[in-house]
Amino acid sequence: ERENSVMMQDPRLIEAILRKDLYCFIQATFPIASPGALFAPNWHLEAMAYHLTRVLDGEIKRLIVTIPPRGLKSICGSICFPAFVLGHDPTRKIICVSYAETLARKHANDCRAIMRSALYKRVFPNTRTPDTGAAVSQRIDNAMVKAIAWAFRWGEMLENSTHATIAETAAAEKINCGSSSSCSAALVLCVL
């Protein structure tokens, strides 16, 4: 009981926990990302946070999260996680891709709402947020989205030895690269 009262009375402790623990950060920022909804703690959210933390730490290079709809994949992975990552390292570059431009914009706006919140500014006081001067691009580049899709598919084909070179992969996909350098640019995106 004494520990609980210390946590409630010491905001620095709570801020330190939110800086270190993605699951706690998701739980704390959920009301900002989804106003009016109640956060229901569950093991699958802890599992997502654990694996996303491993991505942040560089232990996992590729992560696919497959859970049923309404399981908070977007809130965890496309809204809270980018805010958490940028809180730790504002120089990181993050690309969130969605099947629909409106959904991508919503996720970006929800992430910005978290980053502009008083809570976020207390947890990550040294992170410049969009309202304090950092430039935030809201432009969605369809060519970039296509290049990213190609890069991931081609990367898998090359890893699985479906094709030996980028040029062979492009030819099999019926894509005229002109020179292999334009195709290489798509593959580099996969590696980044």
C-alpha atoms as a PDB file:
ATOM      1  CA  GLU A   1       0.000   0.000   0.000  1.00  0.00           C
ATOM      2  CA  ARG A   2       2.861   2.387   0.813  1.00  0.00           C
ATOM      3  CA  GLU A   3       4.388   1.719  -2.648  1.00  0.00           C
ATOM      4  CA  ASN A   4       1.115   2.694  -4.327  1.00  0.00           C
ATOM      5  CA  SER A   5       0.947   5.956  -2.389  1.00  0.00           C
ATOM      6  CA  VAL A   6       4.554   6.769  -3.349  1.00  0.00           C
ATOM      7  CA  MET A   7       3.745   6.190  -7.028  1.00  0.00           C
ATOM      8  CA  MET A   8       0.693   8.415  -6.818  1.00  0.00           C
ATOM      9  CA  GLN A   9       2.665  11.172  -5.082  1.00  0.00           C
ATOM     10  CA  ASP A  10       5.833  11.082  -7.145  1.00  0.00           C
ATOM     11  CA  PRO A  11       5.163  12.076 -10.765  1.00  0.00           C
ATOM     12  CA  ARG A  12       8.886  11.703 -11.581  1.00  0.00           C
ATOM     13  CA  LEU A  13       8.622   7.983 -10.863  1.00  0.00           C
ATOM     14  CA  ILE A  14       5.612   7.626 -13.146  1.00  0.00           C
ATOM     15  CA  GLU A  15       7.343   9.629 -15.897  1.00  0.00           C
ATOM     16  CA  ALA A  16      10.430   7.394 -15.603  1.00  0.00           C
ATOM     17  CA  ILE A  17       8.264   4.288 -15.912  1.00  0.00           C
ATOM     18  CA  LEU A  18       6.479   5.705 -18.976  1.00  0.00           C
ATOM     19  CA  ARG A  19       9.862   6.519 -20.561  1.00  0.00           C
ATOM     20  CA  LYS A  20      11.093   2.944 -20.082  1.00  0.00           C
ATOM     21  CA  ASP A  21       8.005   0.743 -20.516  1.00  0.00           C
ATOM     22  CA  LEU A  22       6.133   0.845 -23.843  1.00  0.00           C
ATOM     23  CA  TYR A  23       3.152  -1.058 -22.433  1.00  0.00           C
ATOM     24  CA  CYS A  24       2.723   1.521 -19.660  1.00  0.00           C
ATOM     25  CA  PHE A  25       3.188   4.304 -22.227  1.00  0.00           C
ATOM     26  CA  ILE A  26       0.456   2.802 -24.421  1.00  0.00           C
ATOM     27  CA  GLN A  27      -1.857   2.512 -21.431  1.00  0.00           C
ATOM     28  CA  ALA A  28      -1.174   6.110 -20.343  1.00  0.00           C
ATOM     29  CA  THR A  29      -1.590   7.627 -23.823  1.00  0.00           C
ATOM     30  CA  PHE A  30      -4.581   5.498 -24.840  1.00  0.00           C
ATOM     31  CA  PRO A  31      -7.120   8.171 -23.765  1.00  0.00           C
ATOM     32  CA  ILE A  32      -5.375  10.634 -26.123  1.00  0.00           C
ATOM     33  CA  ALA A  33      -5.268   8.190 -29.044  1.00  0.00           C
ATOM     34  CA  SER A  34      -8.816   6.941 -28.485  1.00  0.00           C
ATOM     35  CA  PRO A  35     -10.833   9.552 -26.552  1.00  0.00           C
ATOM     36  CA  GLY A  36     -13.850   8.167 -24.738  1.00  0.00           C
ATOM     37  CA  ALA A  37     -12.769   4.527 -25.034  1.00  0.00           C
ATOM     38  CA  LEU A  38     -11.723   2.493 -22.011  1.00  0.00           C
ATOM     39  CA  PHE A  39      -8.367   0.731 -21.992  1.00  0.00           C
ATOM     40  CA  ALA A  40      -8.801  -2.970 -21.233  1.00  0.00           C
ATOM     41  CA  PRO A  41      -5.451  -4.487 -20.199  1.00  0.00           C
ATOM     42  CA  ASN A  42      -4.773  -7.821 -21.860  1.00  0.00           C
ATOM     43  CA  TRP A  43      -1.859 -10.176 -22.435  1.00  0.00           C
ATOM     44  CA  HIS A  44      -1.869  -9.591 -26.205  1.00  0.00           C
ATOM     45  CA  LEU A  45      -1.193  -5.879 -25.659  1.00  0.00           C
ATOM     46  CA  GLU A  46       1.719  -6.714 -23.382  1.00  0.00           C
ATOM     47  CA  ALA A  47       3.013  -9.135 -26.032  1.00  0.00           C
ATOM     48  CA  MET A  48       2.779  -6.474 -28.765  1.00  0.00           C
ATOM     49  CA  ALA A  49       4.553  -3.935 -26.553  1.00  0.00           C
ATOM     50  CA  TYR A  50       7.266  -6.471 -25.713  1.00  0.00           C
ATOM     51  CA  HIS A  51       7.942  -7.269 -29.365  1.00  0.00           C
ATOM     52  CA  LEU A  52       7.801  -3.610 -30.435  1.00  0.00           C
ATOM     53  CA  THR A  53      10.333  -2.828 -27.708  1.00  0.00           C
ATOM     54  CA  ARG A  54      12.593  -5.504 -29.168  1.00  0.00           C
ATOM     55  CA  VAL A  55      12.232  -3.767 -32.556  1.00  0.00           C
ATOM     56  CA  LEU A  56      13.225  -0.468 -30.927  1.00  0.00           C
ATOM     57  CA  ASP A  57      16.228  -2.137 -29.300  1.00  0.00           C
ATOM     58  CA  GLY A  58      17.308  -3.629 -32.656  1.00  0.00           C
ATOM     59  CA  GLU A  59      16.768  -7.234 -31.536  1.00  0.00           C
ATOM     60  CA  ILE A  60      14.022  -7.753 -34.147  1.00  0.00           C
ATOM     61  CA  LYS A  61      14.481  -6.428 -37.685  1.00  0.00           C
ATOM     62  CA  ARG A  62      11.078  -7.411 -39.091  1.00  0.00           C
ATOM     63  CA  LEU A  63       7.842  -7.821 -37.204  1.00  0.00           C
ATOM     64  CA  ILE A  64       4.411  -8.741 -38.482  1.00  0.00           C
ATOM     65  CA  VAL A  65       1.535  -8.474 -36.013  1.00  0.00           C
ATOM     66  CA  THR A  66      -1.486 -10.568 -36.938  1.00  0.00           C
ATOM     67  CA  ILE A  67      -4.373 -10.388 -34.521  1.00  0.00           C
ATOM     68  CA  PRO A  68      -8.098  -9.942 -35.183  1.00  0.00           C
ATOM     69  CA  PRO A  69      -9.586  -6.536 -35.986  1.00  0.00           C
ATOM     70  CA  ARG A  70     -10.166  -4.150 -33.060  1.00  0.00           C
ATOM     71  CA  GLY A  71      -7.199  -5.652 -31.188  1.00  0.00           C
ATOM     72  CA  LEU A  72      -5.413  -2.259 -30.966  1.00  0.00           C
ATOM     73  CA  LYS A  73      -2.702  -3.085 -33.527  1.00  0.00           C
ATOM     74  CA  SER A  74      -2.914   0.403 -35.030  1.00  0.00           C
ATOM     75  CA  ILE A  75      -2.939   2.224 -31.711  1.00  0.00           C
ATOM     76  CA  CYS A  76       0.029   0.220 -30.441  1.00  0.00           C
ATOM     77  CA  GLY A  77       2.094   0.017 -33.631  1.00  0.00           C
ATOM     78  CA  SER A  78       1.192   3.060 -35.722  1.00  0.00           C
ATOM     79  CA  ILE A  79       0.308   5.669 -33.099  1.00  0.00           C
ATOM     80  CA  CYS A  80       1.901   5.038 -29.688  1.00  0.00           C
ATOM     81  CA  PHE A  81       5.044   3.235 -30.866  1.00  0.00           C
ATOM     82  CA  PRO A  82       6.211   6.019 -33.238  1.00  0.00           C
ATOM     83  CA  ALA A  83       5.654   8.594 -30.474  1.00  0.00           C
ATOM     84  CA  PHE A  84       7.616   6.410 -28.027  1.00  0.00           C
ATOM     85  CA  VAL A  85      10.455   5.913 -30.534  1.00  0.00           C
ATOM     86  CA  LEU A  86      10.689   9.637 -31.302  1.00  0.00           C
ATOM     87  CA  GLY A  87      10.679  10.389 -27.580  1.00  0.00           C
ATOM     88  CA  HIS A  88      13.816   8.291 -27.236  1.00  0.00           C
ATOM     89  CA  ASP A  89      15.474   9.446 -30.451  1.00  0.00           C
ATOM     90  CA  PRO A  90      13.911  12.361 -32.361  1.00  0.00           C
ATOM     91  CA  THR A  91      16.275  11.783 -35.291  1.00  0.00           C
ATOM     92  CA  ARG A  92      14.706   8.393 -36.124  1.00  0.00           C
ATOM     93  CA  LYS A  93      12.794   8.196 -39.388  1.00  0.00           C
ATOM     94  CA  ILE A  94       9.496   6.337 -39.324  1.00  0.00           C
ATOM     95  CA  ILE A  95       7.328   5.346 -42.255  1.00  0.00           C
ATOM     96  CA  CYS A  96       3.832   4.111 -41.476  1.00  0.00           C
ATOM     97  CA  VAL A  97       2.093   2.643 -44.491  1.00  0.00           C
ATOM     98  CA  SER A  98      -1.621   1.943 -44.666  1.00  0.00           C
ATOM     99  CA  TYR A  99      -4.035   0.656 -47.279  1.00  0.00           C
ATOM    100  CA  ALA A 100      -5.869   4.000 -47.217  1.00  0.00           C
ATOM    101  CA  GLU A 101      -4.582   7.568 -47.200  1.00  0.00           C
ATOM    102  CA  THR A 102      -7.281   8.668 -44.749  1.00  0.00           C
ATOM    103  CA  LEU A 103      -6.243   6.014 -42.237  1.00  0.00           C
ATOM    104  CA  ALA A 104      -2.562   6.933 -42.599  1.00  0.00           C
ATOM    105  CA  ARG A 105      -3.467  10.577 -41.937  1.00  0.00           C
ATOM    106  CA  LYS A 106      -5.559   9.619 -38.901  1.00  0.00           C
ATOM    107  CA  HIS A 107      -2.696   7.604 -37.428  1.00  0.00           C
ATOM    108  CA  ALA A 108      -0.242  10.463 -38.054  1.00  0.00           C
ATOM    109  CA  ASN A 109      -2.623  12.981 -36.470  1.00  0.00           C
ATOM    110  CA  ASP A 110      -3.249  10.735 -33.460  1.00  0.00           C
ATOM    111  CA  CYS A 111       0.503  10.284 -32.997  1.00  0.00           C
ATOM    112  CA  ARG A 112       0.944  14.066 -33.185  1.00  0.00           C
ATOM    113  CA  ALA A 113      -1.829  14.520 -30.607  1.00  0.00           C
ATOM    114  CA  ILE A 114       0.095  12.298 -28.198  1.00  0.00           C
ATOM    115  CA  MET A 115       3.329  14.162 -28.888  1.00  0.00           C
ATOM    116  CA  ARG A 116       1.644  17.519 -28.292  1.00  0.00           C
ATOM    117  CA  SER A 117       0.055  16.412 -25.021  1.00  0.00           C
ATOM    118  CA  ALA A 118       1.177  17.688 -21.637  1.00  0.00           C
ATOM    119  CA  LEU A 119       1.808  14.084 -20.569  1.00  0.00           C
ATOM    120  CA  TYR A 120       4.226  13.478 -23.461  1.00  0.00           C
ATOM    121  CA  LYS A 121       6.050  16.740 -22.820  1.00  0.00           C
ATOM    122  CA  ARG A 122       6.575  15.701 -19.191  1.00  0.00           C
ATOM    123  CA  VAL A 123       7.736  12.189 -20.108  1.00  0.00           C
ATOM    124  CA  PHE A 124      10.001  13.305 -22.976  1.00  0.00           C
ATOM    125  CA  PRO A 125      10.850  16.936 -22.151  1.00  0.00           C
ATOM    126  CA  ASN A 126      13.811  17.111 -24.560  1.00  0.00           C
ATOM    127  CA  THR A 127      11.866  15.964 -27.623  1.00  0.00           C
ATOM    128  CA  ARG A 128      10.817  18.695 -30.018  1.00  0.00           C
ATOM    129  CA  THR A 129       7.219  18.156 -30.976  1.00  0.00           C
ATOM    130  CA  PRO A 130       5.374  19.543 -34.016  1.00  0.00           C
ATOM    131  CA  ASP A 131       3.940  22.497 -32.087  1.00  0.00           C
ATOM    132  CA  THR A 132       7.388  23.552 -30.836  1.00  0.00           C
ATOM    133  CA  GLY A 133       8.994  23.978 -34.218  1.00  0.00           C
ATOM    134  CA  ALA A 134       9.780  20.554 -35.641  1.00  0.00           C
ATOM    135  CA  ALA A 135       8.743  20.151 -39.241  1.00  0.00           C
ATOM    136  CA  VAL A 136       6.281  17.326 -39.778  1.00  0.00           C
ATOM    137  CA  SER A 137       5.452  16.163 -43.264  1.00  0.00           C
ATOM    138  CA  GLN A 138       1.817  15.344 -43.902  1.00  0.00           C
ATOM    139  CA  ARG A 139       2.393  14.649 -47.595  1.00  0.00           C
ATOM    140  CA  ILE A 140       1.819  11.108 -48.685  1.00  0.00           C
ATOM    141  CA  ASP A 141       3.990  10.108 -51.608  1.00  0.00           C
ATOM    142  CA  ASN A 142       2.378   7.297 -53.614  1.00  0.00           C
ATOM    143  CA  ALA A 143       5.648   6.589 -55.427  1.00  0.00           C
ATOM    144  CA  MET A 144       7.333   6.076 -52.047  1.00  0.00           C
ATOM    145  CA  VAL A 145       4.579   3.694 -50.941  1.00  0.00           C
ATOM    146  CA  LYS A 146       5.003   1.656 -54.141  1.00  0.00           C
ATOM    147  CA  ALA A 147       8.781   1.611 -53.724  1.00  0.00           C
ATOM    148  CA  ILE A 148       8.437   0.367 -50.156  1.00  0.00           C
ATOM    149  CA  ALA A 149       6.037  -2.377 -51.245  1.00  0.00           C
ATOM    150  CA  TRP A 150       8.431  -3.434 -53.999  1.00  0.00           C
ATOM    151  CA  ALA A 151      11.382  -3.342 -51.642  1.00  0.00           C
ATOM    152  CA  PHE A 152       9.821  -5.670 -49.112  1.00  0.00           C
ATOM    153  CA  ARG A 153       8.555  -8.104 -51.732  1.00  0.00           C
ATOM    154  CA  TRP A 154      11.871  -8.056 -53.589  1.00  0.00           C
ATOM    155  CA  GLY A 155      13.839  -8.420 -50.380  1.00  0.00           C
ATOM    156  CA  GLU A 156      11.885 -11.556 -49.570  1.00  0.00           C
ATOM    157  CA  MET A 157      12.384 -12.911 -53.096  1.00  0.00           C
ATOM    158  CA  LEU A 158      16.128 -12.340 -52.869  1.00  0.00           C
ATOM    159  CA  GLU A 159      16.339 -13.866 -49.383  1.00  0.00           C
ATOM    160  CA  ASN A 160      14.383 -16.913 -50.526  1.00  0.00           C
ATOM    161  CA  SER A 161      16.614 -17.230 -53.606  1.00  0.00           C
ATOM    162  CA  THR A 162      13.631 -16.868 -55.922  1.00  0.00           C
ATOM    163  CA  HIS A 163      15.850 -14.599 -58.045  1.00  0.00           C
ATOM    164  CA  ALA A 164      19.603 -14.088 -57.923  1.00  0.00           C
ATOM    165  CA  THR A 165      19.766 -10.332 -58.617  1.00  0.00           C
ATOM    166  CA  ILE A 166      17.682  -7.193 -58.351  1.00  0.00           C
ATOM    167  CA  ALA A 167      17.563  -6.972 -62.158  1.00  0.00           C
ATOM    168  CA  GLU A 168      16.174 -10.536 -62.400  1.00  0.00           C
ATOM    169  CA  THR A 169      13.583  -9.722 -59.760  1.00  0.00           C
ATOM    170  CA  ALA A 170      12.528  -6.552 -61.611  1.00  0.00           C
ATOM    171  CA  ALA A 171      12.282  -8.450 -64.895  1.00  0.00           C
ATOM    172  CA  ALA A 172      10.148 -11.162 -63.266  1.00  0.00           C
ATOM    173  CA  GLU A 173       7.878  -8.424 -61.861  1.00  0.00           C
ATOM    174  CA  LYS A 174       7.704  -6.885 -65.375  1.00  0.00           C
ATOM    175  CA  ILE A 175       9.207  -3.638 -64.120  1.00  0.00           C
ATOM    176  CA  ASN A 176      11.499  -1.725 -66.435  1.00  0.00           C
ATOM    177  CA  CYS A 177      14.131  -0.179 -64.200  1.00  0.00           C
ATOM    178  CA  GLY A 178      16.057   1.371 -67.050  1.00  0.00           C
ATOM    179  CA  SER A 179      19.147   0.938 -64.927  1.00  0.00           C
ATOM    180  CA  SER A 180      19.517  -1.267 -61.906  1.00  0.00           C
ATOM    181  CA  SER A 181      20.186   1.819 -59.750  1.00  0.00           C
ATOM    182  CA  SER A 182      16.493   2.810 -59.666  1.00  0.00           C
ATOM    183  CA  CYS A 183      15.590  -0.732 -58.649  1.00  0.00           C
ATOM    184  CA  SER A 184      18.382  -0.712 -56.073  1.00  0.00           C
ATOM    185  CA  ALA A 185      16.837   2.380 -54.481  1.00  0.00           C
ATOM    186  CA  ALA A 186      13.673   0.391 -53.753  1.00  0.00           C
ATOM    187  CA  LEU A 187      15.691  -2.400 -52.195  1.00  0.00           C
ATOM    188  CA  VAL A 188      17.634   0.049 -50.041  1.00  0.00           C
ATOM    189  CA  LEU A 189      14.320   1.204 -48.542  1.00  0.00           C
ATOM    190  CA  CYS A 190      13.743  -2.356 -47.400  1.00  0.00           C
ATOM    191  CA  VAL A 191      17.073  -2.394 -45.589  1.00  0.00           C
ATOM    192  CA  LEU A 192      16.556   0.982 -43.893  1.00  0.00           C
END
